[in-house]
Each structure stands twice: as C-alpha cells, then as structure tokens.
C-alpha cells in the first residue's frame, strides 16, 4: 500500500516512524510527506501548537526524518496545481494519513486516494463530531478541565474534523499542570498505534476484496 503522510511535530513524527519501522512496515511504502513550515502564515502558526515554546528542531523533525529515509518532502501550500501534480502523478498514494497538519484539505485531495484520507484528532469520546474541533483541541480540553482524552481517527471531508469516525484510541490521562506541548508528546505514541492498527485493518479488507 502506498501511503502519504501529512504531518508535523510529535504526532507526525511518531506516525511516520511507526509506518517505517512498525508491524506493518513490510506492507506499506511511504511515498511522500507533506509537513508544516511554521514560518509561513498559511498554516496559522499563531493559532496552533507552534504558538507555544518549543525547540527549533521540533519544527523540522518530520522533514529531517523523512529526508534521512529518502522520502520526498513538501512544505508549501497543498491546495495548489503544483501539489496536485505531485500527489496524483508522482506520489499516487492509496491512502493518506494526517497527523498535526496546518492546512485544510480540499476535495481534490481527500477524494483522490482510493482507500481514503484520514486524520488523527484529540477529543473525548462523548459523541462525534466532537465539540473539540479545530487546530488547537488540547488547549480547549485543558480550558474545560478535562482529565482524560482520546485520539479519534476519522475520514477527512469538507468540514473541520467532521468526517466519518473510524475509531477511538484508549483513554489517556491529562495530568495536572501540563500544557499543550506536553499533551502532544504524551499522546503521540498512542496516536501512531491507532493509525497503524486501523491501516492494518484497511489493508486486510482490501486484500480480501482483491482475493474475491
């Protein structure tokens, strides 16, 4: 299965690492990575995790890791003819997974992969779509004094975090006195585990259909 990753920061890093070195690494090929450039206003850095103190290396951790594995990286605007060509004529992914990415995906992108375009989003499991939509859900969870969170894997559609729910992760405690960056670090490994588990199921279903 050909997979494109749209991700940055810790969630993007752990998802990419799990795809390359985890249980399904022999069954997938990461064909490209689109990632945030926090110096660009089009990713709304002042409204997302980049507004909080972080190491400079955090900004390029996904890009550097992908490049070290020989994977093509794109950090410009994705809703452009340039990127459509890259996506459809070169990467040609069967599936896309998004994990901390600062651009809204339009229909030309989320309808292209034959096996779907998915996102990983923090929330609580009291109903879907969640009230915790948007680019900074951890801050909203902290503002509401939530004591636990889950990661939702859902399809990307034309709304903000409104596409079909695929699965929730296990519950993760929100320790007292943590911040947004802390929560990204705490939850990233579980988000990656969820992504790999659900992608593995998609691979299995697709293999069964092909065999039939």
N, C-alpha and C. Protein backbone atom coordinates (compact mmCIF):
# COMPACT_ATOMS: atom_id res chain seq x y z
N UNK A 1 0.84 -1.19 0.00
CA UNK A 1 0.00 0.00 0.00
C UNK A 1 0.87 1.24 0.00
N UNK A 2 0.57 2.17 -0.89
CA UNK A 2 1.29 3.44 -0.99
C UNK A 2 0.61 4.46 -0.06
N UNK A 3 1.39 5.04 0.85
CA UNK A 3 0.84 5.95 1.85
C UNK A 3 1.57 7.29 1.79
N UNK A 4 0.78 8.37 1.85
CA UNK A 4 1.35 9.72 2.03
C UNK A 4 0.99 10.21 3.43
N UNK A 5 1.95 10.79 4.10
CA UNK A 5 1.76 11.32 5.45
C UNK A 5 1.71 12.84 5.38
N UNK A 6 0.67 13.41 5.98
CA UNK A 6 0.54 14.85 6.13
C UNK A 6 0.71 15.13 7.62
N UNK A 7 1.90 15.50 8.05
CA UNK A 7 2.09 15.60 9.49
C UNK A 7 3.31 16.38 9.89
N UNK A 8 3.30 16.77 11.15
CA UNK A 8 4.41 17.51 11.73
C UNK A 8 4.42 17.27 13.24
N UNK A 9 5.40 17.87 13.89
CA UNK A 9 5.57 17.81 15.34
C UNK A 9 5.59 16.35 15.81
N UNK A 10 5.25 16.09 17.04
CA UNK A 10 5.44 14.75 17.59
C UNK A 10 4.47 13.72 17.01
N UNK A 11 3.24 14.12 16.77
CA UNK A 11 2.28 13.16 16.21
C UNK A 11 2.71 12.73 14.82
N UNK A 12 3.12 13.70 14.01
CA UNK A 12 3.58 13.36 12.68
C UNK A 12 4.82 12.48 12.71
N UNK A 13 5.73 12.78 13.63
CA UNK A 13 6.98 12.01 13.74
C UNK A 13 6.69 10.56 14.13
N UNK A 14 5.86 10.37 15.15
CA UNK A 14 5.60 9.02 15.62
C UNK A 14 4.82 8.21 14.58
N UNK A 15 3.88 8.84 13.88
CA UNK A 15 3.15 8.12 12.83
C UNK A 15 4.11 7.69 11.74
N UNK A 16 4.96 8.59 11.28
CA UNK A 16 5.91 8.25 10.23
C UNK A 16 6.85 7.14 10.69
N UNK A 17 7.34 7.26 11.92
CA UNK A 17 8.26 6.24 12.44
C UNK A 17 7.57 4.86 12.51
N UNK A 18 6.32 4.85 12.92
CA UNK A 18 5.60 3.58 13.06
C UNK A 18 5.34 2.95 11.70
N UNK A 19 5.06 3.77 10.70
CA UNK A 19 4.83 3.23 9.36
C UNK A 19 6.12 2.65 8.78
N UNK A 20 7.25 3.27 9.11
CA UNK A 20 8.53 2.82 8.55
C UNK A 20 9.14 1.67 9.33
N UNK A 21 8.85 1.58 10.63
CA UNK A 21 9.54 0.60 11.46
C UNK A 21 8.60 -0.29 12.28
N UNK A 22 7.31 -0.09 12.18
CA UNK A 22 6.37 -0.86 12.98
C UNK A 22 5.93 -2.16 12.32
N UNK A 23 4.84 -2.72 12.86
CA UNK A 23 4.39 -4.04 12.44
C UNK A 23 3.97 -4.12 10.98
N UNK A 24 3.53 -3.01 10.39
CA UNK A 24 3.05 -3.06 9.01
C UNK A 24 4.07 -2.50 8.02
N UNK A 25 5.29 -2.27 8.47
CA UNK A 25 6.28 -1.62 7.61
C UNK A 25 6.57 -2.42 6.34
N UNK A 26 6.42 -3.74 6.41
CA UNK A 26 6.67 -4.58 5.24
C UNK A 26 5.52 -4.54 4.24
N UNK A 27 4.41 -3.95 4.64
CA UNK A 27 3.21 -3.95 3.80
C UNK A 27 2.88 -2.57 3.24
N UNK A 28 3.65 -1.55 3.63
CA UNK A 28 3.37 -0.19 3.17
C UNK A 28 4.64 0.46 2.63
N UNK A 29 4.43 1.43 1.76
CA UNK A 29 5.51 2.28 1.27
C UNK A 29 5.09 3.73 1.47
N UNK A 30 5.86 4.47 2.24
CA UNK A 30 5.59 5.90 2.41
C UNK A 30 6.17 6.61 1.20
N UNK A 31 5.28 7.15 0.37
CA UNK A 31 5.70 7.71 -0.92
C UNK A 31 5.93 9.21 -0.88
N UNK A 32 5.52 9.86 0.19
CA UNK A 32 5.73 11.29 0.32
C UNK A 32 5.25 11.80 1.66
N UNK A 33 5.80 12.94 2.06
CA UNK A 33 5.44 13.58 3.32
C UNK A 33 5.19 15.06 3.07
N UNK A 34 4.02 15.53 3.44
CA UNK A 34 3.72 16.96 3.47
C UNK A 34 3.76 17.41 4.93
N UNK A 35 4.46 18.48 5.22
CA UNK A 35 4.66 18.88 6.61
C UNK A 35 4.57 20.39 6.76
N UNK A 36 4.39 20.84 7.99
CA UNK A 36 4.26 22.27 8.29
C UNK A 36 5.60 23.00 8.16
N UNK A 37 5.52 24.20 7.66
CA UNK A 37 6.61 25.16 7.78
C UNK A 37 6.10 26.29 8.67
N UNK A 38 6.44 26.28 9.96
CA UNK A 38 5.87 27.25 10.90
C UNK A 38 6.23 28.70 10.63
N UNK A 39 7.13 28.95 9.69
CA UNK A 39 7.43 30.34 9.33
C UNK A 39 6.41 30.92 8.36
N UNK A 40 5.51 30.08 7.86
CA UNK A 40 4.54 30.51 6.86
C UNK A 40 3.18 30.77 7.50
N UNK A 41 2.57 31.89 7.15
CA UNK A 41 1.29 32.27 7.75
C UNK A 41 0.15 31.35 7.33
N UNK A 42 0.28 30.66 6.17
CA UNK A 42 -0.84 29.85 5.68
C UNK A 42 -1.09 28.61 6.52
N UNK A 43 -0.21 28.28 7.46
CA UNK A 43 -0.50 27.17 8.37
C UNK A 43 -1.06 27.67 9.71
N UNK A 44 -1.32 28.97 9.83
CA UNK A 44 -1.87 29.58 11.05
C UNK A 44 -1.07 29.23 12.29
N UNK A 45 0.24 29.50 12.30
CA UNK A 45 1.07 29.09 13.43
C UNK A 45 0.68 29.73 14.76
N UNK A 46 0.08 30.94 14.72
CA UNK A 46 -0.27 31.62 15.97
C UNK A 46 -1.53 31.04 16.61
N UNK A 47 -2.21 30.14 15.91
CA UNK A 47 -3.42 29.54 16.44
C UNK A 47 -3.23 28.07 16.80
N UNK A 48 -2.05 27.55 16.58
CA UNK A 48 -1.83 26.12 16.75
C UNK A 48 -0.66 25.86 17.69
N UNK A 49 -0.14 24.66 17.70
CA UNK A 49 0.88 24.28 18.67
C UNK A 49 2.13 25.14 18.55
N UNK A 50 2.39 25.70 17.36
CA UNK A 50 3.61 26.47 17.16
C UNK A 50 3.63 27.77 17.96
N UNK A 51 2.52 28.19 18.51
CA UNK A 51 2.50 29.42 19.31
C UNK A 51 3.15 29.23 20.68
N UNK A 52 3.32 27.97 21.11
CA UNK A 52 3.87 27.68 22.43
C UNK A 52 5.38 27.46 22.34
N UNK A 53 6.10 27.66 23.45
CA UNK A 53 7.55 27.43 23.42
C UNK A 53 7.88 25.99 23.02
N UNK A 54 8.81 25.86 22.10
CA UNK A 54 9.23 24.54 21.63
C UNK A 54 10.64 24.67 21.07
N UNK A 55 11.32 23.54 20.95
CA UNK A 55 12.67 23.56 20.39
C UNK A 55 12.62 23.83 18.90
N UNK A 56 13.62 24.53 18.39
CA UNK A 56 13.66 24.81 16.96
C UNK A 56 13.70 23.51 16.15
N UNK A 57 14.35 22.49 16.69
CA UNK A 57 14.42 21.22 15.98
C UNK A 57 13.05 20.55 15.85
N UNK A 58 12.11 20.91 16.75
CA UNK A 58 10.76 20.36 16.65
C UNK A 58 10.08 20.78 15.35
N UNK A 59 10.49 21.91 14.80
CA UNK A 59 9.85 22.42 13.59
C UNK A 59 10.18 21.57 12.37
N UNK A 60 11.35 20.95 12.39
CA UNK A 60 11.82 20.21 11.22
C UNK A 60 11.99 18.73 11.49
N UNK A 61 11.49 18.24 12.62
CA UNK A 61 11.76 16.86 12.99
C UNK A 61 11.19 15.87 11.97
N UNK A 62 10.00 16.14 11.47
CA UNK A 62 9.40 15.23 10.49
C UNK A 62 10.13 15.34 9.16
N UNK A 63 10.39 16.56 8.73
CA UNK A 63 11.10 16.77 7.47
C UNK A 63 12.47 16.10 7.49
N UNK A 64 13.20 16.27 8.57
CA UNK A 64 14.55 15.70 8.67
C UNK A 64 14.50 14.18 8.68
N UNK A 65 13.54 13.62 9.41
CA UNK A 65 13.43 12.17 9.49
C UNK A 65 13.06 11.59 8.13
N UNK A 66 12.08 12.20 7.46
CA UNK A 66 11.67 11.71 6.14
C UNK A 66 12.84 11.79 5.15
N UNK A 67 13.54 12.92 5.16
CA UNK A 67 14.66 13.07 4.23
C UNK A 67 15.76 12.04 4.49
N UNK A 68 15.98 11.70 5.76
CA UNK A 68 17.01 10.71 6.08
C UNK A 68 16.66 9.32 5.56
N UNK A 69 15.37 9.11 5.28
CA UNK A 69 14.91 7.83 4.74
C UNK A 69 14.68 7.89 3.22
N UNK A 70 15.08 9.00 2.61
CA UNK A 70 14.95 9.14 1.18
C UNK A 70 13.53 9.40 0.70
N UNK A 71 12.67 9.94 1.58
CA UNK A 71 11.27 10.20 1.24
C UNK A 71 11.13 11.66 0.84
N UNK A 72 10.42 11.92 -0.26
CA UNK A 72 10.22 13.27 -0.73
C UNK A 72 9.36 14.06 0.25
N UNK A 73 9.74 15.30 0.52
CA UNK A 73 9.06 16.17 1.48
C UNK A 73 8.56 17.42 0.77
N UNK A 74 7.33 17.82 1.14
CA UNK A 74 6.74 19.05 0.61
C UNK A 74 6.28 19.88 1.79
N UNK A 75 6.64 21.19 1.83
CA UNK A 75 6.20 22.04 2.93
C UNK A 75 5.59 23.36 2.45
N UNK A 76 5.08 23.35 1.22
CA UNK A 76 4.39 24.52 0.70
C UNK A 76 2.88 24.38 0.82
N UNK A 77 2.16 25.20 0.07
CA UNK A 77 0.70 25.11 0.06
C UNK A 77 0.27 23.84 -0.67
N UNK A 78 -0.68 23.12 -0.09
CA UNK A 78 -1.10 21.86 -0.72
C UNK A 78 -2.28 22.03 -1.67
N UNK A 79 -3.09 23.06 -1.48
CA UNK A 79 -4.24 23.26 -2.37
C UNK A 79 -3.83 24.11 -3.57
N UNK A 80 -2.90 23.57 -4.34
CA UNK A 80 -2.35 24.26 -5.50
C UNK A 80 -2.14 23.25 -6.63
N UNK A 81 -2.13 23.75 -7.89
CA UNK A 81 -1.84 22.84 -9.01
C UNK A 81 -0.50 22.12 -8.86
N UNK A 82 0.49 22.81 -8.31
CA UNK A 82 1.81 22.19 -8.10
C UNK A 82 1.70 20.93 -7.25
N UNK A 83 0.98 21.05 -6.14
CA UNK A 83 0.89 19.88 -5.27
C UNK A 83 -0.04 18.82 -5.84
N UNK A 84 -1.12 19.23 -6.51
CA UNK A 84 -2.00 18.23 -7.13
C UNK A 84 -1.20 17.35 -8.09
N UNK A 85 -0.32 17.96 -8.86
CA UNK A 85 0.52 17.19 -9.79
C UNK A 85 1.43 16.24 -9.04
N UNK A 86 2.08 16.74 -7.98
CA UNK A 86 2.96 15.90 -7.18
C UNK A 86 2.20 14.72 -6.60
N UNK A 87 1.03 15.00 -6.06
CA UNK A 87 0.22 13.97 -5.40
C UNK A 87 -0.29 12.93 -6.41
N UNK A 88 -0.86 13.40 -7.51
CA UNK A 88 -1.56 12.50 -8.42
C UNK A 88 -0.68 11.84 -9.46
N UNK A 89 0.45 12.46 -9.78
CA UNK A 89 1.29 11.91 -10.84
C UNK A 89 2.58 11.28 -10.32
N UNK A 90 2.97 11.63 -9.11
CA UNK A 90 4.24 11.11 -8.59
C UNK A 90 4.03 10.25 -7.33
N UNK A 91 3.43 10.83 -6.29
CA UNK A 91 3.21 10.05 -5.07
C UNK A 91 2.16 8.96 -5.29
N UNK A 92 1.05 9.31 -5.89
CA UNK A 92 -0.04 8.37 -6.20
C UNK A 92 -0.39 7.47 -5.01
N UNK A 93 -0.72 8.07 -3.85
CA UNK A 93 -0.99 7.25 -2.66
C UNK A 93 -2.32 6.51 -2.76
N UNK A 94 -2.35 5.32 -2.17
CA UNK A 94 -3.61 4.59 -1.99
C UNK A 94 -4.36 5.12 -0.78
N UNK A 95 -3.62 5.68 0.17
CA UNK A 95 -4.19 6.15 1.43
C UNK A 95 -3.34 7.30 1.95
N UNK A 96 -4.00 8.27 2.60
CA UNK A 96 -3.29 9.37 3.25
C UNK A 96 -3.67 9.41 4.72
N UNK A 97 -2.71 9.73 5.56
CA UNK A 97 -2.96 9.88 6.99
C UNK A 97 -2.40 11.23 7.44
N UNK A 98 -3.22 11.98 8.16
CA UNK A 98 -2.86 13.32 8.62
C UNK A 98 -2.66 13.31 10.13
N UNK A 99 -1.57 13.94 10.58
CA UNK A 99 -1.22 13.93 11.99
C UNK A 99 -0.52 15.23 12.34
N UNK A 100 -1.29 16.22 12.79
CA UNK A 100 -0.82 17.58 13.09
C UNK A 100 -0.36 18.24 11.80
N UNK A 101 -1.31 18.82 11.10
CA UNK A 101 -1.04 19.46 9.82
C UNK A 101 -1.89 20.71 9.72
N UNK A 102 -1.27 21.81 9.30
CA UNK A 102 -1.90 23.12 9.44
C UNK A 102 -2.65 23.66 8.25
N UNK A 103 -2.98 22.81 7.28
CA UNK A 103 -3.74 23.29 6.14
C UNK A 103 -5.01 22.47 5.96
N UNK A 104 -6.08 23.14 5.58
CA UNK A 104 -7.33 22.46 5.29
C UNK A 104 -7.19 21.71 3.97
N UNK A 105 -7.66 20.48 3.96
CA UNK A 105 -7.56 19.63 2.78
C UNK A 105 -8.83 19.75 1.96
N UNK A 106 -8.70 20.07 0.68
CA UNK A 106 -9.91 20.19 -0.13
C UNK A 106 -10.25 18.89 -0.83
N UNK A 107 -11.38 18.89 -1.54
CA UNK A 107 -11.90 17.65 -2.12
C UNK A 107 -10.98 17.05 -3.17
N UNK A 108 -10.23 17.89 -3.88
CA UNK A 108 -9.31 17.36 -4.88
C UNK A 108 -8.26 16.44 -4.25
N UNK A 109 -7.98 16.67 -2.97
CA UNK A 109 -7.02 15.85 -2.25
C UNK A 109 -7.68 14.72 -1.48
N UNK A 110 -8.74 15.04 -0.69
CA UNK A 110 -9.28 13.97 0.16
C UNK A 110 -10.10 12.94 -0.61
N UNK A 111 -10.50 13.27 -1.83
CA UNK A 111 -11.23 12.28 -2.64
C UNK A 111 -10.30 11.46 -3.53
N UNK A 112 -9.02 11.81 -3.59
CA UNK A 112 -8.11 11.16 -4.53
C UNK A 112 -7.66 9.76 -4.10
N UNK A 113 -7.23 9.51 -2.88
CA UNK A 113 -6.73 8.18 -2.54
C UNK A 113 -7.85 7.14 -2.54
N UNK A 114 -7.65 6.03 -3.19
CA UNK A 114 -8.73 5.05 -3.36
C UNK A 114 -9.16 4.41 -2.03
N UNK A 115 -8.27 4.41 -1.04
CA UNK A 115 -8.60 3.80 0.25
C UNK A 115 -8.84 4.83 1.34
N UNK A 116 -8.89 6.11 0.97
CA UNK A 116 -9.31 7.11 1.93
C UNK A 116 -8.21 8.04 2.42
N UNK A 117 -8.67 9.15 2.97
CA UNK A 117 -7.81 10.19 3.55
C UNK A 117 -8.29 10.37 4.99
N UNK A 118 -7.40 10.16 5.96
CA UNK A 118 -7.78 10.10 7.36
C UNK A 118 -6.99 11.10 8.20
N UNK A 119 -7.58 11.48 9.34
CA UNK A 119 -6.94 12.40 10.27
C UNK A 119 -6.96 11.81 11.67
N UNK A 120 -6.00 12.25 12.49
CA UNK A 120 -5.92 11.87 13.90
C UNK A 120 -6.17 13.12 14.73
N UNK A 121 -7.23 13.10 15.56
CA UNK A 121 -7.66 14.33 16.24
C UNK A 121 -7.96 14.06 17.71
N UNK A 122 -7.37 14.84 18.63
CA UNK A 122 -7.67 14.70 20.06
C UNK A 122 -9.07 15.19 20.39
N UNK A 123 -9.73 14.49 21.30
CA UNK A 123 -11.08 14.88 21.71
C UNK A 123 -11.46 14.04 22.94
N UNK A 124 -12.73 13.96 23.25
CA UNK A 124 -13.23 12.98 24.21
C UNK A 124 -14.30 12.16 23.49
N UNK A 125 -14.59 10.99 24.03
CA UNK A 125 -15.46 10.05 23.30
C UNK A 125 -16.92 10.14 23.76
N UNK A 126 -17.44 11.37 23.79
CA UNK A 126 -18.82 11.55 24.23
C UNK A 126 -19.75 11.82 23.05
N UNK A 127 -19.29 11.60 21.85
CA UNK A 127 -20.11 11.83 20.67
C UNK A 127 -19.26 12.36 19.53
N UNK A 128 -19.71 12.09 18.32
CA UNK A 128 -18.96 12.54 17.14
C UNK A 128 -19.93 13.14 16.14
N UNK A 129 -19.57 14.26 15.49
CA UNK A 129 -18.34 15.03 15.66
C UNK A 129 -18.20 15.61 17.07
N UNK A 130 -16.98 15.77 17.47
CA UNK A 130 -16.69 16.27 18.81
C UNK A 130 -16.85 17.78 18.88
N UNK A 131 -17.09 18.29 20.09
CA UNK A 131 -17.08 19.74 20.30
C UNK A 131 -15.66 20.29 20.20
N UNK A 132 -14.65 19.41 20.31
CA UNK A 132 -13.26 19.85 20.31
C UNK A 132 -12.67 19.82 18.90
N UNK A 133 -13.24 20.61 18.02
CA UNK A 133 -12.77 20.68 16.64
C UNK A 133 -11.73 21.79 16.52
N UNK A 134 -11.06 21.82 15.37
CA UNK A 134 -10.16 22.92 15.10
C UNK A 134 -8.70 22.59 15.34
N UNK A 135 -7.86 23.61 15.21
CA UNK A 135 -6.42 23.43 15.19
C UNK A 135 -5.74 23.36 16.53
N UNK A 136 -6.47 23.57 17.64
CA UNK A 136 -5.83 23.56 18.96
C UNK A 136 -6.73 22.86 19.98
N UNK A 137 -7.07 21.58 19.73
CA UNK A 137 -8.01 20.90 20.62
C UNK A 137 -7.48 20.69 22.03
N UNK A 138 -6.17 20.51 22.18
CA UNK A 138 -5.64 20.30 23.52
C UNK A 138 -5.88 21.51 24.42
N UNK A 139 -5.73 22.72 23.87
CA UNK A 139 -6.00 23.91 24.68
C UNK A 139 -7.46 23.94 25.11
N UNK A 140 -8.37 23.56 24.21
CA UNK A 140 -9.79 23.53 24.55
C UNK A 140 -10.06 22.49 25.63
N UNK A 141 -9.42 21.34 25.55
CA UNK A 141 -9.58 20.31 26.57
C UNK A 141 -9.07 20.81 27.92
N UNK A 142 -7.93 21.46 27.91
CA UNK A 142 -7.37 22.00 29.16
C UNK A 142 -8.24 23.11 29.73
N UNK A 143 -8.77 23.96 28.85
CA UNK A 143 -9.64 25.04 29.32
C UNK A 143 -10.90 24.50 29.98
N UNK A 144 -11.36 23.33 29.52
CA UNK A 144 -12.56 22.70 30.10
C UNK A 144 -12.22 21.80 31.28
N UNK A 145 -10.97 21.77 31.68
CA UNK A 145 -10.52 20.98 32.84
C UNK A 145 -10.83 19.49 32.65
N UNK A 146 -10.72 19.02 31.42
CA UNK A 146 -10.88 17.60 31.18
C UNK A 146 -9.72 16.84 31.82
N UNK A 147 -9.99 15.65 32.32
CA UNK A 147 -8.96 14.86 32.98
C UNK A 147 -8.47 13.70 32.12
N UNK A 148 -9.09 13.49 30.96
CA UNK A 148 -8.68 12.42 30.06
C UNK A 148 -9.04 12.81 28.63
N UNK A 149 -8.35 12.21 27.69
CA UNK A 149 -8.61 12.45 26.28
C UNK A 149 -8.48 11.15 25.52
N UNK A 150 -8.95 11.15 24.28
CA UNK A 150 -8.71 10.06 23.34
C UNK A 150 -8.25 10.70 22.03
N UNK A 151 -7.71 9.88 21.16
CA UNK A 151 -7.42 10.29 19.80
C UNK A 151 -8.45 9.63 18.90
N UNK A 152 -9.10 10.43 18.07
CA UNK A 152 -10.05 9.90 17.10
C UNK A 152 -9.36 9.80 15.74
N UNK A 153 -9.54 8.67 15.06
CA UNK A 153 -9.16 8.57 13.66
C UNK A 153 -10.44 8.69 12.85
N UNK A 154 -10.47 9.65 11.94
CA UNK A 154 -11.69 9.89 11.17
C UNK A 154 -11.34 10.21 9.72
N UNK A 155 -12.31 10.04 8.84
CA UNK A 155 -12.11 10.43 7.45
C UNK A 155 -12.08 11.95 7.35
N UNK A 156 -11.32 12.43 6.41
CA UNK A 156 -11.30 13.86 6.11
C UNK A 156 -12.41 14.15 5.11
N UNK A 157 -13.19 15.19 5.41
CA UNK A 157 -14.22 15.64 4.48
C UNK A 157 -14.13 17.15 4.34
N UNK A 158 -15.17 17.78 3.84
CA UNK A 158 -15.12 19.21 3.59
C UNK A 158 -15.23 20.08 4.81
N UNK A 159 -15.54 19.51 5.98
CA UNK A 159 -15.64 20.28 7.22
C UNK A 159 -14.36 20.24 8.03
N UNK A 160 -14.44 20.76 9.24
CA UNK A 160 -13.31 20.70 10.16
C UNK A 160 -13.56 19.57 11.16
N UNK A 161 -12.83 18.46 10.99
CA UNK A 161 -12.91 17.33 11.93
C UNK A 161 -14.34 16.81 12.05
N UNK A 162 -14.99 16.63 10.90
CA UNK A 162 -16.39 16.18 10.89
C UNK A 162 -16.60 14.88 10.13
N UNK A 163 -15.58 14.35 9.48
CA UNK A 163 -15.74 13.16 8.65
C UNK A 163 -16.02 11.92 9.48
N UNK A 164 -16.42 10.87 8.80
CA UNK A 164 -16.82 9.61 9.44
C UNK A 164 -15.79 9.14 10.47
N UNK A 165 -16.27 8.84 11.68
CA UNK A 165 -15.40 8.31 12.74
C UNK A 165 -15.02 6.88 12.41
N UNK A 166 -13.73 6.58 12.47
CA UNK A 166 -13.24 5.22 12.24
C UNK A 166 -13.02 4.50 13.56
N UNK A 167 -12.34 5.14 14.50
CA UNK A 167 -12.04 4.50 15.79
C UNK A 167 -11.50 5.53 16.77
N UNK A 168 -11.66 5.21 18.05
CA UNK A 168 -11.02 5.96 19.12
C UNK A 168 -9.83 5.17 19.66
N UNK A 169 -8.85 5.88 20.17
CA UNK A 169 -7.76 5.25 20.91
C UNK A 169 -8.23 4.90 22.32
N UNK A 170 -7.33 4.32 23.09
CA UNK A 170 -7.56 4.16 24.51
C UNK A 170 -7.61 5.53 25.18
N UNK A 171 -8.16 5.57 26.40
CA UNK A 171 -8.18 6.82 27.16
C UNK A 171 -6.77 7.15 27.66
N UNK A 172 -6.45 8.44 27.63
CA UNK A 172 -5.16 8.92 28.10
C UNK A 172 -5.40 9.99 29.16
N UNK A 173 -4.78 9.82 30.31
CA UNK A 173 -4.94 10.80 31.38
C UNK A 173 -4.29 12.12 31.01
N UNK A 174 -4.93 13.21 31.42
CA UNK A 174 -4.36 14.55 31.29
C UNK A 174 -3.84 14.94 32.67
N UNK A 175 -2.54 14.85 32.92
CA UNK A 175 -2.01 15.13 34.24
C UNK A 175 -2.22 16.60 34.62
N UNK A 176 -2.27 16.88 35.92
CA UNK A 176 -2.38 18.27 36.35
C UNK A 176 -1.17 19.09 35.89
N UNK A 177 -1.43 20.33 35.57
CA UNK A 177 -0.38 21.32 35.29
C UNK A 177 0.39 21.06 33.99
N UNK A 178 -0.14 20.22 33.09
CA UNK A 178 0.53 20.06 31.80
C UNK A 178 0.05 21.13 30.83
N UNK A 179 0.79 21.31 29.75
CA UNK A 179 0.40 22.26 28.72
C UNK A 179 0.15 21.56 27.39
N UNK A 180 -0.09 22.34 26.38
CA UNK A 180 -0.42 21.81 25.06
C UNK A 180 0.74 20.99 24.48
N UNK A 181 1.94 21.51 24.56
CA UNK A 181 3.09 20.78 24.02
C UNK A 181 3.28 19.46 24.75
N UNK A 182 3.09 19.47 26.08
CA UNK A 182 3.18 18.24 26.85
C UNK A 182 2.19 17.20 26.33
N UNK A 183 0.96 17.63 26.07
CA UNK A 183 -0.07 16.70 25.62
C UNK A 183 0.24 16.14 24.23
N UNK A 184 0.83 16.95 23.37
CA UNK A 184 1.27 16.41 22.08
C UNK A 184 2.27 15.28 22.28
N UNK A 185 3.22 15.49 23.18
CA UNK A 185 4.24 14.48 23.43
C UNK A 185 3.65 13.23 24.08
N UNK A 186 2.76 13.42 25.04
CA UNK A 186 2.16 12.29 25.77
C UNK A 186 1.34 11.41 24.85
N UNK A 187 0.58 12.01 23.94
CA UNK A 187 -0.39 11.26 23.15
C UNK A 187 0.14 10.78 21.81
N UNK A 188 1.27 11.29 21.35
CA UNK A 188 1.76 10.95 20.02
C UNK A 188 1.97 9.45 19.81
N UNK A 189 2.59 8.71 20.75
CA UNK A 189 2.77 7.28 20.51
C UNK A 189 1.45 6.52 20.38
N UNK A 190 0.45 6.92 21.17
CA UNK A 190 -0.85 6.25 21.10
C UNK A 190 -1.55 6.58 19.78
N UNK A 191 -1.43 7.81 19.33
CA UNK A 191 -1.99 8.18 18.03
C UNK A 191 -1.38 7.33 16.92
N UNK A 192 -0.08 7.13 16.99
CA UNK A 192 0.60 6.32 15.98
C UNK A 192 0.14 4.87 16.03
N UNK A 193 -0.04 4.34 17.25
CA UNK A 193 -0.53 2.96 17.39
C UNK A 193 -1.92 2.82 16.79
N UNK A 194 -2.78 3.80 17.05
CA UNK A 194 -4.13 3.76 16.49
C UNK A 194 -4.08 3.78 14.97
N UNK A 195 -3.28 4.67 14.40
CA UNK A 195 -3.19 4.78 12.95
C UNK A 195 -2.75 3.47 12.33
N UNK A 196 -1.71 2.86 12.88
CA UNK A 196 -1.19 1.62 12.33
C UNK A 196 -2.20 0.48 12.46
N UNK A 197 -2.88 0.42 13.60
CA UNK A 197 -3.88 -0.64 13.80
C UNK A 197 -5.02 -0.52 12.78
N UNK A 198 -5.50 0.69 12.57
CA UNK A 198 -6.62 0.86 11.64
C UNK A 198 -6.18 0.72 10.18
N UNK A 199 -4.98 1.19 9.85
CA UNK A 199 -4.47 0.99 8.50
C UNK A 199 -4.27 -0.49 8.22
N UNK A 200 -3.82 -1.23 9.23
CA UNK A 200 -3.67 -2.68 9.07
C UNK A 200 -5.01 -3.34 8.73
N UNK A 201 -6.09 -2.89 9.35
CA UNK A 201 -7.42 -3.43 9.05
C UNK A 201 -7.83 -3.08 7.62
N UNK A 202 -7.51 -1.86 7.19
CA UNK A 202 -7.83 -1.44 5.83
C UNK A 202 -7.07 -2.31 4.82
N UNK A 203 -5.80 -2.57 5.11
CA UNK A 203 -5.01 -3.45 4.24
C UNK A 203 -5.64 -4.83 4.16
N UNK A 204 -6.05 -5.37 5.30
CA UNK A 204 -6.64 -6.71 5.33
C UNK A 204 -7.94 -6.76 4.54
N UNK A 205 -8.79 -5.75 4.71
CA UNK A 205 -10.06 -5.72 3.97
C UNK A 205 -9.81 -5.60 2.47
N UNK A 206 -8.86 -4.77 2.10
CA UNK A 206 -8.56 -4.58 0.69
C UNK A 206 -8.01 -5.85 0.07
N UNK A 207 -7.16 -6.56 0.82
CA UNK A 207 -6.59 -7.82 0.34
C UNK A 207 -7.68 -8.86 0.13
N UNK A 208 -8.65 -8.89 1.05
CA UNK A 208 -9.76 -9.84 0.93
C UNK A 208 -10.59 -9.54 -0.31
N UNK A 209 -10.89 -8.28 -0.55
CA UNK A 209 -11.66 -7.90 -1.73
C UNK A 209 -10.94 -8.27 -3.01
N UNK A 210 -9.61 -8.06 -3.04
CA UNK A 210 -8.84 -8.39 -4.24
C UNK A 210 -8.83 -9.89 -4.46
N UNK A 211 -8.77 -10.66 -3.35
CA UNK A 211 -8.77 -12.12 -3.48
C UNK A 211 -10.10 -12.63 -4.01
N UNK A 212 -11.20 -11.96 -3.60
CA UNK A 212 -12.53 -12.36 -4.07
C UNK A 212 -12.71 -12.04 -5.54
